[in-house]
Amino acid sequence: MGEKRAQPAAKRRYWLLKTEPSSFAFEDLLRAPKRRTQWDGVRNYQARNFMRDDMQFGDLALIYHSSADPTGITGIARIVRAARPDATQFDPKDEHFDPKARREDPPWVAVEIEALVPVEPCVSLQARKDEPRLAQMLVLRRGQRLSVQPVESGEWQVVLELAGLDPGNF
């Protein structure tokens, strides 16, 4: 059976997914089989709720390297499978193991993402701070540390502009 088609752009949502390149870099996603991987290990309830309740097949994501030099948006990915239980919560050998997790009611979810295109050079934190149209972007707000964040459509367009990418290609 074939995959579902991506959502029409009018219904599509946009996301920012944070990762530390020392743990998982966009380059790792590019090298993954079929350029796909599970986005797992999220252990914050608000971020989990975004993934579980709002993120859908066909949504697009900015991959953001935090704790990097420079920090910045390094790639574009697509959600290719909606949320399902995160298997790492049940694996005692995994760093994301949760001893309180129960298979009958798993608290944590993962989505599958696919690499679309790298952003080279990255759209740095400073470039985003210098862009007044991004002043309200969640990742730029003081104290905003969620690893999964929604991105407004207008912000998505501006980031792609800064990256030199055509929004019509996504």
N, C-alpha and C. Protein backbone atom coordinates (compact mmCIF):
# COMPACT_ATOMS: atom_id res chain seq x y z
N MET A 1 0.85 -1.18 0.00
CA MET A 1 0.00 0.00 0.00
C MET A 1 0.89 1.24 0.00
N GLY A 2 0.59 2.22 -0.82
CA GLY A 2 1.40 3.43 -0.94
C GLY A 2 1.22 4.36 0.25
N GLU A 3 2.15 5.31 0.35
CA GLU A 3 2.07 6.29 1.43
C GLU A 3 0.98 7.31 1.15
N LYS A 4 0.45 7.88 2.21
CA LYS A 4 -0.52 8.95 2.06
C LYS A 4 0.16 10.14 1.40
N ARG A 5 -0.62 10.95 0.74
CA ARG A 5 -0.09 12.16 0.13
C ARG A 5 0.10 13.22 1.20
N ALA A 6 1.05 14.10 0.96
CA ALA A 6 1.28 15.22 1.88
C ALA A 6 0.05 16.11 1.91
N GLN A 7 -0.13 16.78 3.02
CA GLN A 7 -1.26 17.69 3.18
C GLN A 7 -1.13 18.86 2.23
N PRO A 8 -2.26 19.41 1.78
CA PRO A 8 -2.19 20.65 1.01
C PRO A 8 -1.53 21.74 1.85
N ALA A 9 -0.84 22.65 1.19
CA ALA A 9 -0.10 23.70 1.90
C ALA A 9 -0.98 24.48 2.87
N ALA A 10 -2.26 24.65 2.57
CA ALA A 10 -3.15 25.43 3.44
C ALA A 10 -3.32 24.77 4.81
N LYS A 11 -3.22 23.46 4.88
CA LYS A 11 -3.41 22.75 6.14
C LYS A 11 -2.09 22.36 6.79
N ARG A 12 -1.03 22.47 6.05
CA ARG A 12 0.28 22.06 6.54
C ARG A 12 0.70 22.94 7.71
N ARG A 13 1.37 22.32 8.66
CA ARG A 13 1.95 23.06 9.78
C ARG A 13 3.45 22.98 9.67
N TYR A 14 4.09 23.90 10.39
CA TYR A 14 5.55 24.00 10.35
C TYR A 14 6.08 23.90 11.78
N TRP A 15 7.26 23.31 11.89
CA TRP A 15 7.84 23.00 13.19
C TRP A 15 9.32 23.34 13.21
N LEU A 16 9.84 23.50 14.40
CA LEU A 16 11.27 23.59 14.62
C LEU A 16 11.62 22.44 15.55
N LEU A 17 12.57 21.61 15.15
CA LEU A 17 13.03 20.48 15.95
C LEU A 17 14.47 20.73 16.34
N LYS A 18 14.71 20.83 17.64
CA LYS A 18 16.06 21.09 18.14
C LYS A 18 16.80 19.78 18.38
N THR A 19 18.07 19.82 18.06
CA THR A 19 18.96 18.69 18.34
C THR A 19 20.36 19.23 18.57
N GLU A 20 21.11 18.50 19.33
CA GLU A 20 22.51 18.84 19.50
C GLU A 20 23.28 18.04 18.47
N PRO A 21 24.10 18.68 17.64
CA PRO A 21 24.79 17.94 16.58
C PRO A 21 25.71 16.84 17.11
N SER A 22 26.15 16.95 18.35
CA SER A 22 26.97 15.88 18.92
C SER A 22 26.14 14.62 19.19
N SER A 23 24.82 14.77 19.34
CA SER A 23 23.93 13.63 19.54
C SER A 23 23.34 13.14 18.21
N PHE A 24 22.82 14.08 17.43
CA PHE A 24 22.24 13.75 16.14
C PHE A 24 22.21 15.00 15.29
N ALA A 25 23.02 15.01 14.26
CA ALA A 25 23.12 16.16 13.37
C ALA A 25 22.28 15.95 12.12
N PHE A 26 21.97 17.03 11.43
CA PHE A 26 21.23 16.91 10.18
C PHE A 26 21.99 16.02 9.21
N GLU A 27 23.31 16.07 9.23
CA GLU A 27 24.12 15.21 8.36
C GLU A 27 23.85 13.73 8.66
N ASP A 28 23.57 13.40 9.93
CA ASP A 28 23.22 12.02 10.28
C ASP A 28 21.91 11.62 9.61
N LEU A 29 20.97 12.53 9.58
CA LEU A 29 19.69 12.25 8.92
C LEU A 29 19.90 12.05 7.42
N LEU A 30 20.75 12.86 6.82
CA LEU A 30 21.03 12.70 5.38
C LEU A 30 21.65 11.33 5.08
N ARG A 31 22.43 10.78 6.02
CA ARG A 31 23.09 9.49 5.82
C ARG A 31 22.21 8.30 6.22
N ALA A 32 21.10 8.55 6.89
CA ALA A 32 20.22 7.47 7.34
C ALA A 32 19.59 6.76 6.14
N PRO A 33 19.24 5.47 6.30
CA PRO A 33 18.56 4.77 5.20
C PRO A 33 17.32 5.54 4.76
N LYS A 34 17.22 5.76 3.46
CA LYS A 34 16.11 6.53 2.86
C LYS A 34 16.03 7.95 3.41
N ARG A 35 17.12 8.41 4.08
CA ARG A 35 17.18 9.75 4.68
C ARG A 35 16.06 9.95 5.71
N ARG A 36 15.72 8.88 6.42
CA ARG A 36 14.63 8.90 7.41
C ARG A 36 15.11 8.38 8.75
N THR A 37 14.45 8.87 9.80
CA THR A 37 14.70 8.36 11.14
C THR A 37 13.52 8.68 12.05
N GLN A 38 13.49 7.98 13.18
CA GLN A 38 12.52 8.31 14.23
C GLN A 38 13.02 9.53 14.98
N TRP A 39 12.14 10.50 15.22
CA TRP A 39 12.47 11.64 16.08
C TRP A 39 11.96 11.23 17.44
N ASP A 40 12.85 10.66 18.23
CA ASP A 40 12.45 10.08 19.51
C ASP A 40 13.24 10.72 20.64
N GLY A 41 12.97 10.25 21.84
CA GLY A 41 13.70 10.74 23.00
C GLY A 41 13.19 12.05 23.57
N VAL A 42 12.09 12.56 23.05
CA VAL A 42 11.51 13.81 23.57
C VAL A 42 10.87 13.51 24.93
N ARG A 43 11.34 14.19 25.96
CA ARG A 43 10.86 13.92 27.32
C ARG A 43 10.36 15.18 28.01
N ASN A 44 9.65 15.98 27.29
CA ASN A 44 8.99 17.17 27.82
C ASN A 44 7.53 17.05 27.42
N TYR A 45 6.61 17.24 28.36
CA TYR A 45 5.20 17.01 28.07
C TYR A 45 4.63 17.98 27.03
N GLN A 46 5.02 19.24 27.08
CA GLN A 46 4.50 20.19 26.10
C GLN A 46 4.99 19.84 24.69
N ALA A 47 6.28 19.52 24.57
CA ALA A 47 6.83 19.11 23.27
C ALA A 47 6.14 17.82 22.80
N ARG A 48 5.96 16.88 23.71
CA ARG A 48 5.26 15.63 23.39
C ARG A 48 3.85 15.91 22.89
N ASN A 49 3.15 16.84 23.54
CA ASN A 49 1.78 17.16 23.12
C ASN A 49 1.74 17.73 21.71
N PHE A 50 2.71 18.57 21.36
CA PHE A 50 2.79 19.08 19.99
C PHE A 50 2.92 17.92 19.02
N MET A 51 3.82 16.99 19.33
CA MET A 51 4.04 15.84 18.45
C MET A 51 2.81 14.95 18.38
N ARG A 52 2.23 14.67 19.51
CA ARG A 52 1.11 13.73 19.58
C ARG A 52 -0.18 14.32 19.01
N ASP A 53 -0.46 15.58 19.33
CA ASP A 53 -1.76 16.15 19.03
C ASP A 53 -1.81 17.00 17.76
N ASP A 54 -0.68 17.57 17.36
CA ASP A 54 -0.71 18.56 16.28
C ASP A 54 0.12 18.19 15.06
N MET A 55 1.22 17.49 15.24
CA MET A 55 2.10 17.18 14.13
C MET A 55 1.48 16.09 13.26
N GLN A 56 1.47 16.32 11.95
CA GLN A 56 0.82 15.40 11.03
C GLN A 56 1.72 15.05 9.86
N PHE A 57 1.41 13.96 9.21
CA PHE A 57 2.08 13.54 7.99
C PHE A 57 2.05 14.71 7.00
N GLY A 58 3.21 15.00 6.42
CA GLY A 58 3.30 16.07 5.43
C GLY A 58 3.70 17.42 5.99
N ASP A 59 3.64 17.58 7.32
CA ASP A 59 4.13 18.83 7.91
C ASP A 59 5.63 18.94 7.63
N LEU A 60 6.13 20.17 7.69
CA LEU A 60 7.54 20.43 7.42
C LEU A 60 8.23 20.94 8.67
N ALA A 61 9.53 20.69 8.76
CA ALA A 61 10.27 21.06 9.97
C ALA A 61 11.62 21.66 9.63
N LEU A 62 11.98 22.65 10.44
CA LEU A 62 13.33 23.21 10.44
C LEU A 62 14.13 22.41 11.44
N ILE A 63 15.27 21.89 11.04
CA ILE A 63 16.14 21.18 11.97
C ILE A 63 17.14 22.20 12.50
N TYR A 64 17.15 22.34 13.82
CA TYR A 64 17.91 23.39 14.49
C TYR A 64 18.99 22.77 15.35
N HIS A 65 20.23 23.12 15.08
CA HIS A 65 21.35 22.66 15.91
C HIS A 65 21.54 23.63 17.08
N SER A 66 21.29 23.15 18.29
CA SER A 66 21.58 23.93 19.49
C SER A 66 22.93 23.46 20.03
N SER A 67 23.48 24.18 20.96
CA SER A 67 24.79 23.84 21.52
C SER A 67 25.81 23.57 20.42
N ALA A 68 25.80 24.44 19.43
CA ALA A 68 26.73 24.33 18.30
C ALA A 68 27.38 25.68 18.08
N ASP A 69 28.39 25.71 17.23
CA ASP A 69 29.04 26.98 16.92
C ASP A 69 29.13 27.11 15.41
N PRO A 70 28.22 27.86 14.79
CA PRO A 70 27.14 28.61 15.43
C PRO A 70 25.89 27.74 15.60
N THR A 71 25.01 28.19 16.48
CA THR A 71 23.70 27.55 16.56
C THR A 71 22.92 28.01 15.34
N GLY A 72 22.08 27.15 14.83
CA GLY A 72 21.32 27.58 13.67
C GLY A 72 20.50 26.49 13.02
N ILE A 73 19.73 26.91 12.04
CA ILE A 73 18.89 26.00 11.26
C ILE A 73 19.77 25.40 10.18
N THR A 74 19.89 24.07 10.20
CA THR A 74 20.83 23.39 9.31
C THR A 74 20.16 22.52 8.26
N GLY A 75 18.84 22.36 8.34
CA GLY A 75 18.18 21.53 7.34
C GLY A 75 16.67 21.63 7.39
N ILE A 76 16.07 21.10 6.34
CA ILE A 76 14.61 21.04 6.21
C ILE A 76 14.23 19.57 6.14
N ALA A 77 13.19 19.21 6.90
CA ALA A 77 12.71 17.82 6.92
C ALA A 77 11.19 17.81 6.79
N ARG A 78 10.68 16.64 6.48
CA ARG A 78 9.23 16.44 6.38
C ARG A 78 8.82 15.34 7.37
N ILE A 79 7.66 15.50 7.96
CA ILE A 79 7.10 14.47 8.83
C ILE A 79 6.50 13.42 7.90
N VAL A 80 7.00 12.17 8.00
CA VAL A 80 6.52 11.12 7.11
C VAL A 80 5.73 10.03 7.85
N ARG A 81 5.68 10.16 9.16
CA ARG A 81 4.83 9.27 9.95
C ARG A 81 4.45 9.99 11.22
N ALA A 82 3.15 10.05 11.47
CA ALA A 82 2.65 10.75 12.66
C ALA A 82 3.03 10.00 13.93
N ALA A 83 2.73 10.60 15.05
CA ALA A 83 3.14 10.09 16.36
C ALA A 83 2.64 8.67 16.63
N ARG A 84 3.54 7.92 17.25
CA ARG A 84 3.25 6.57 17.75
C ARG A 84 4.13 6.39 18.98
N PRO A 85 3.90 5.36 19.79
CA PRO A 85 4.71 5.21 20.99
C PRO A 85 6.21 5.17 20.68
N ASP A 86 6.97 5.87 21.49
CA ASP A 86 8.43 5.93 21.38
C ASP A 86 9.01 4.68 22.04
N ALA A 87 9.60 3.81 21.25
CA ALA A 87 10.14 2.54 21.76
C ALA A 87 11.28 2.74 22.74
N THR A 88 11.99 3.86 22.66
CA THR A 88 13.14 4.06 23.56
C THR A 88 12.72 4.15 25.02
N GLN A 89 11.47 4.51 25.30
CA GLN A 89 11.02 4.63 26.69
C GLN A 89 10.99 3.28 27.39
N PHE A 90 10.93 2.19 26.62
CA PHE A 90 10.84 0.85 27.21
C PHE A 90 12.18 0.10 27.23
N ASP A 91 13.22 0.68 26.67
CA ASP A 91 14.51 0.00 26.54
C ASP A 91 15.47 0.44 27.64
N PRO A 92 15.71 -0.41 28.64
CA PRO A 92 16.58 -0.04 29.75
C PRO A 92 18.01 0.32 29.32
N LYS A 93 18.42 -0.11 28.13
CA LYS A 93 19.76 0.20 27.64
C LYS A 93 19.82 1.54 26.92
N ASP A 94 18.68 2.13 26.67
CA ASP A 94 18.64 3.40 25.93
C ASP A 94 18.70 4.58 26.90
N GLU A 95 19.39 5.64 26.51
CA GLU A 95 19.50 6.82 27.38
C GLU A 95 18.16 7.49 27.63
N HIS A 96 17.14 7.19 26.82
CA HIS A 96 15.82 7.80 26.99
C HIS A 96 14.83 6.87 27.69
N PHE A 97 15.34 5.81 28.28
CA PHE A 97 14.51 4.86 29.02
C PHE A 97 13.75 5.59 30.12
N ASP A 98 12.48 5.23 30.27
CA ASP A 98 11.65 5.80 31.33
C ASP A 98 11.08 4.64 32.15
N PRO A 99 11.59 4.42 33.35
CA PRO A 99 11.14 3.28 34.13
C PRO A 99 9.67 3.35 34.54
N LYS A 100 9.07 4.53 34.44
CA LYS A 100 7.65 4.68 34.79
C LYS A 100 6.73 4.41 33.60
N ALA A 101 7.28 4.32 32.39
CA ALA A 101 6.46 4.12 31.19
C ALA A 101 5.82 2.74 31.20
N ARG A 102 4.55 2.71 30.82
CA ARG A 102 3.79 1.45 30.76
C ARG A 102 3.32 1.23 29.33
N ARG A 103 3.51 0.03 28.82
CA ARG A 103 3.13 -0.28 27.44
C ARG A 103 1.64 -0.07 27.19
N GLU A 104 0.82 -0.30 28.19
CA GLU A 104 -0.63 -0.15 28.00
C GLU A 104 -1.05 1.32 27.91
N ASP A 105 -0.21 2.22 28.36
CA ASP A 105 -0.50 3.65 28.28
C ASP A 105 0.81 4.43 28.20
N PRO A 106 1.52 4.31 27.08
CA PRO A 106 2.85 4.93 26.97
C PRO A 106 2.78 6.45 26.96
N PRO A 107 3.58 7.09 27.79
CA PRO A 107 3.52 8.55 27.86
C PRO A 107 4.25 9.26 26.73
N TRP A 108 5.23 8.61 26.08
CA TRP A 108 6.09 9.30 25.12
C TRP A 108 5.86 8.81 23.70
N VAL A 109 5.98 9.73 22.76
CA VAL A 109 5.76 9.41 21.35
C VAL A 109 6.97 9.81 20.51
N ALA A 110 7.02 9.26 19.31
CA ALA A 110 8.03 9.61 18.32
C ALA A 110 7.32 9.80 16.99
N VAL A 111 7.91 10.60 16.14
CA VAL A 111 7.44 10.75 14.76
C VAL A 111 8.60 10.34 13.86
N GLU A 112 8.30 10.04 12.61
CA GLU A 112 9.36 9.74 11.66
C GLU A 112 9.53 10.95 10.76
N ILE A 113 10.80 11.33 10.55
CA ILE A 113 11.09 12.47 9.69
C ILE A 113 11.99 12.03 8.55
N GLU A 114 11.94 12.82 7.48
CA GLU A 114 12.75 12.58 6.29
C GLU A 114 13.49 13.85 5.93
N ALA A 115 14.79 13.73 5.70
CA ALA A 115 15.59 14.88 5.27
C ALA A 115 15.17 15.30 3.87
N LEU A 116 14.98 16.59 3.68
CA LEU A 116 14.69 17.12 2.35
C LEU A 116 15.89 17.83 1.76
N VAL A 117 16.42 18.81 2.50
CA VAL A 117 17.54 19.59 1.96
C VAL A 117 18.34 20.21 3.10
N PRO A 118 19.66 20.20 2.98
CA PRO A 118 20.47 20.90 3.98
C PRO A 118 20.38 22.40 3.77
N VAL A 119 20.62 23.14 4.83
CA VAL A 119 20.70 24.61 4.78
C VAL A 119 22.16 24.96 5.01
N GLU A 120 22.82 25.39 3.93
CA GLU A 120 24.25 25.69 3.99
C GLU A 120 24.52 27.03 3.36
N PRO A 121 25.10 27.96 4.07
CA PRO A 121 25.40 27.86 5.49
C PRO A 121 24.11 27.90 6.31
N CYS A 122 24.23 27.54 7.56
CA CYS A 122 23.05 27.52 8.42
C CYS A 122 22.49 28.94 8.58
N VAL A 123 21.21 28.99 8.90
CA VAL A 123 20.60 30.28 9.25
C VAL A 123 20.85 30.45 10.75
N SER A 124 21.83 31.26 11.06
CA SER A 124 22.33 31.38 12.44
C SER A 124 21.35 32.10 13.34
N LEU A 125 21.58 31.92 14.63
CA LEU A 125 20.81 32.63 15.64
C LEU A 125 20.89 34.13 15.41
N GLN A 126 22.09 34.63 15.13
CA GLN A 126 22.26 36.07 14.93
C GLN A 126 21.49 36.55 13.69
N ALA A 127 21.49 35.77 12.62
CA ALA A 127 20.74 36.15 11.42
C ALA A 127 19.25 36.24 11.72
N ARG A 128 18.75 35.33 12.55
CA ARG A 128 17.33 35.36 12.91
C ARG A 128 17.03 36.54 13.83
N LYS A 129 17.94 36.81 14.76
CA LYS A 129 17.74 37.96 15.67
C LYS A 129 17.77 39.27 14.91
N ASP A 130 18.56 39.34 13.86
CA ASP A 130 18.69 40.56 13.07
C ASP A 130 17.51 40.79 12.12
N GLU A 131 16.64 39.79 11.98
CA GLU A 131 15.51 39.88 11.06
C GLU A 131 14.25 40.27 11.83
N PRO A 132 13.77 41.52 11.68
CA PRO A 132 12.61 41.98 12.45
C PRO A 132 11.34 41.15 12.22
N ARG A 133 11.21 40.53 11.06
CA ARG A 133 10.01 39.72 10.78
C ARG A 133 9.99 38.44 11.61
N LEU A 134 11.09 38.12 12.28
CA LEU A 134 11.15 36.93 13.13
C LEU A 134 11.13 37.27 14.62
N ALA A 135 10.82 38.49 14.95
CA ALA A 135 10.87 38.95 16.35
C ALA A 135 10.00 38.11 17.28
N GLN A 136 8.91 37.55 16.79
CA GLN A 136 8.00 36.77 17.64
C GLN A 136 8.25 35.26 17.56
N MET A 137 9.23 34.84 16.79
CA MET A 137 9.49 33.40 16.66
C MET A 137 9.84 32.81 18.02
N LEU A 138 9.18 31.71 18.37
CA LEU A 138 9.34 31.12 19.70
C LEU A 138 10.78 30.86 20.07
N VAL A 139 11.57 30.32 19.16
CA VAL A 139 12.95 29.96 19.48
C VAL A 139 13.79 31.18 19.86
N LEU A 140 13.34 32.37 19.51
CA LEU A 140 14.08 33.59 19.84
C LEU A 140 13.64 34.21 21.16
N ARG A 141 12.59 33.70 21.74
CA ARG A 141 12.10 34.26 23.01
C ARG A 141 12.92 33.76 24.18
N ARG A 142 13.19 34.66 25.09
CA ARG A 142 13.96 34.33 26.29
C ARG A 142 13.26 33.20 27.07
N GLY A 143 14.04 32.20 27.46
CA GLY A 143 13.51 31.10 28.26
C GLY A 143 12.82 30.01 27.46
N GLN A 144 12.71 30.16 26.15
CA GLN A 144 12.04 29.15 25.33
C GLN A 144 13.03 28.05 24.97
N ARG A 145 12.86 26.90 25.62
CA ARG A 145 13.85 25.83 25.46
C ARG A 145 13.24 24.54 24.91
N LEU A 146 11.98 24.56 24.50
CA LEU A 146 11.35 23.34 24.01
C LEU A 146 12.08 22.78 22.79
N SER A 147 12.19 21.46 22.73
CA SER A 147 12.87 20.82 21.61
C SER A 147 11.96 20.66 20.40
N VAL A 148 10.67 20.84 20.57
CA VAL A 148 9.70 20.81 19.48
C VAL A 148 8.84 22.05 19.63
N GLN A 149 8.84 22.89 18.58
CA GLN A 149 8.10 24.16 18.65
C GLN A 149 7.37 24.40 17.34
N PRO A 150 6.16 24.94 17.42
CA PRO A 150 5.49 25.34 16.18
C PRO A 150 6.16 26.57 15.59
N VAL A 151 6.09 26.68 14.27
CA VAL A 151 6.62 27.82 13.54
C VAL A 151 5.46 28.37 12.70
N GLU A 152 5.24 29.65 12.76
CA GLU A 152 4.17 30.27 11.98
C GLU A 152 4.53 30.24 10.49
N SER A 153 3.53 30.21 9.64
CA SER A 153 3.73 30.17 8.19
C SER A 153 4.60 31.33 7.71
N GLY A 154 4.35 32.53 8.20
CA GLY A 154 5.14 33.68 7.80
C GLY A 154 6.59 33.55 8.23
N GLU A 155 6.81 33.00 9.42
CA GLU A 155 8.19 32.77 9.90
C GLU A 155 8.89 31.75 9.02
N TRP A 156 8.17 30.69 8.66
CA TRP A 156 8.71 29.67 7.77
C TRP A 156 9.20 30.31 6.47
N GLN A 157 8.37 31.17 5.89
CA GLN A 157 8.72 31.84 4.63
C GLN A 157 9.99 32.68 4.79
N VAL A 158 10.08 33.42 5.90
CA VAL A 158 11.24 34.28 6.12
C VAL A 158 12.51 33.44 6.30
N VAL A 159 12.42 32.36 7.07
CA VAL A 159 13.59 31.51 7.28
C VAL A 159 14.06 30.92 5.94
N LEU A 160 13.13 30.47 5.11
CA LEU A 160 13.53 29.94 3.81
C LEU A 160 14.17 31.03 2.96
N GLU A 161 13.65 32.25 3.05
CA GLU A 161 14.25 33.38 2.33
C GLU A 161 15.69 33.59 2.80
N LEU A 162 15.90 33.59 4.13
CA LEU A 162 17.25 33.76 4.67
C LEU A 162 18.19 32.63 4.23
N ALA A 163 17.62 31.45 4.04
CA ALA A 163 18.40 30.28 3.63
C ALA A 163 18.63 30.25 2.11
N GLY A 164 17.98 31.16 1.39
CA GLY A 164 18.11 31.16 -0.06
C GLY A 164 17.33 30.03 -0.72
N LEU A 165 16.26 29.57 -0.06
CA LEU A 165 15.45 28.48 -0.58
C LEU A 165 14.10 28.99 -1.06
N ASP A 166 13.57 28.38 -2.08
CA ASP A 166 12.27 28.75 -2.64
C ASP A 166 11.17 27.98 -1.92
N PRO A 167 10.27 28.68 -1.21
CA PRO A 167 9.19 28.00 -0.50
C PRO A 167 8.32 27.12 -1.42
N GLY A 168 8.28 27.46 -2.70
CA GLY A 168 7.49 26.69 -3.65
C GLY A 168 8.05 25.29 -3.89
N ASN A 169 9.29 25.05 -3.46
CA ASN A 169 9.89 23.72 -3.63
C ASN A 169 9.49 22.75 -2.54
N PHE A 170 8.72 23.21 -1.58
CA PHE A 170 8.34 22.34 -0.46
C PHE A 170 6.85 22.20 -0.45
